[in-house]
Amino acid sequence: MRDLRQRYELKDRGQTAIEYLGILAVVAAIILVLLTTDFGTAISNAITDQIEKVTGGAE
């Protein structure tokens, strides 16, 4: 049992640089889509509308 645990611990020791690069690529793609399409504007407007509802409107 001890040998199995030691092999597992040596094999998986955290994320690799490739995994971090993949996460960064996905985040960059999402940001690019939000900045270059009307979808980002629609989200911003929806958030602003909801904040105004909560706070009682624009001042």
C-alpha atoms as a PDB file:
ATOM      1  CA  MET A   1       0.000   0.000   0.000  1.00  0.00           C
ATOM      2  CA  ARG A   2       2.823   2.369   0.821  1.00  0.00           C
ATOM      3  CA  ASP A   3       4.501   1.880  -2.572  1.00  0.00           C
ATOM      4  CA  LEU A   4       1.268   2.702  -4.403  1.00  0.00           C
ATOM      5  CA  ARG A   5       0.855   5.935  -2.465  1.00  0.00           C
ATOM      6  CA  GLN A   6       4.472   6.942  -3.081  1.00  0.00           C
ATOM      7  CA  ARG A   7       4.129   6.330  -6.825  1.00  0.00           C
ATOM      8  CA  TYR A   8       0.971   8.428  -6.957  1.00  0.00           C
ATOM      9  CA  GLU A   9       2.540  11.277  -5.004  1.00  0.00           C
ATOM     10  CA  LEU A  10       5.578  11.354  -7.272  1.00  0.00           C
ATOM     11  CA  LYS A  11       3.488  11.202 -10.432  1.00  0.00           C
ATOM     12  CA  ASP A  12       1.072  14.073  -9.735  1.00  0.00           C
ATOM     13  CA  ARG A  13       2.615  17.097  -8.141  1.00  0.00           C
ATOM     14  CA  GLY A  14       0.452  19.938  -9.397  1.00  0.00           C
ATOM     15  CA  GLN A  15      -0.296  21.780 -12.584  1.00  0.00           C
ATOM     16  CA  THR A  16       2.196  21.927 -15.384  1.00  0.00           C
ATOM     17  CA  ALA A  17       3.092  24.967 -17.430  1.00  0.00           C
ATOM     18  CA  ILE A  18       0.988  23.613 -20.308  1.00  0.00           C
ATOM     19  CA  GLU A  19      -2.109  23.512 -18.097  1.00  0.00           C
ATOM     20  CA  TYR A  20      -1.546  27.093 -16.953  1.00  0.00           C
ATOM     21  CA  LEU A  21      -1.012  28.166 -20.566  1.00  0.00           C
ATOM     22  CA  GLY A  22      -4.321  26.530 -21.509  1.00  0.00           C
ATOM     23  CA  ILE A  23      -6.161  28.409 -18.771  1.00  0.00           C
ATOM     24  CA  LEU A  24      -4.582  31.697 -19.846  1.00  0.00           C
ATOM     25  CA  ALA A  25      -5.565  31.039 -23.469  1.00  0.00           C
ATOM     26  CA  VAL A  26      -9.200  30.431 -22.492  1.00  0.00           C
ATOM     27  CA  VAL A  27      -9.328  33.575 -20.342  1.00  0.00           C
ATOM     28  CA  ALA A  28      -7.726  35.633 -23.121  1.00  0.00           C
ATOM     29  CA  ALA A  29     -10.248  34.285 -25.642  1.00  0.00           C
ATOM     30  CA  ILE A  30     -13.181  35.173 -23.378  1.00  0.00           C
ATOM     31  CA  ILE A  31     -11.853  38.698 -22.820  1.00  0.00           C
ATOM     32  CA  LEU A  32     -11.258  39.150 -26.554  1.00  0.00           C
ATOM     33  CA  VAL A  33     -14.822  38.085 -27.365  1.00  0.00           C
ATOM     34  CA  LEU A  34     -16.281  40.397 -24.733  1.00  0.00           C
ATOM     35  CA  LEU A  35     -14.250  43.370 -25.947  1.00  0.00           C
ATOM     36  CA  THR A  36     -14.799  42.908 -29.674  1.00  0.00           C
ATOM     37  CA  THR A  37     -18.492  42.034 -29.833  1.00  0.00           C
ATOM     38  CA  ASP A  38     -21.767  43.574 -28.754  1.00  0.00           C
ATOM     39  CA  PHE A  39     -22.107  40.754 -26.255  1.00  0.00           C
ATOM     40  CA  GLY A  40     -19.740  42.515 -23.841  1.00  0.00           C
ATOM     41  CA  THR A  41     -21.748  45.714 -24.138  1.00  0.00           C
ATOM     42  CA  ALA A  42     -24.994  43.835 -23.546  1.00  0.00           C
ATOM     43  CA  ILE A  43     -23.588  42.269 -20.370  1.00  0.00           C
ATOM     44  CA  SER A  44     -22.340  45.651 -19.148  1.00  0.00           C
ATOM     45  CA  ASN A  45     -25.716  47.272 -19.798  1.00  0.00           C
ATOM     46  CA  ALA A  46     -27.581  44.458 -18.055  1.00  0.00           C
ATOM     47  CA  ILE A  47     -25.365  44.748 -14.975  1.00  0.00           C
ATOM     48  CA  THR A  48     -25.783  48.517 -14.923  1.00  0.00           C
ATOM     49  CA  ASP A  49     -29.569  48.182 -15.201  1.00  0.00           C
ATOM     50  CA  GLN A  50     -29.690  45.755 -12.288  1.00  0.00           C
ATOM     51  CA  ILE A  51     -27.497  48.005 -10.135  1.00  0.00           C
ATOM     52  CA  GLU A  52     -29.786  50.935 -10.870  1.00  0.00           C
ATOM     53  CA  LYS A  53     -32.805  48.847  -9.848  1.00  0.00           C
ATOM     54  CA  VAL A  54     -31.162  47.997  -6.527  1.00  0.00           C
ATOM     55  CA  THR A  55     -29.938  51.517  -5.793  1.00  0.00           C
ATOM     56  CA  GLY A  56     -33.101  53.272  -6.901  1.00  0.00           C
ATOM     57  CA  GLY A  57     -32.018  54.558 -10.286  1.00  0.00           C
ATOM     58  CA  ALA A  58     -29.328  56.730 -11.778  1.00  0.00           C
ATOM     59  CA  GLU A  59     -28.558  59.949  -9.972  1.00  0.00           C
END
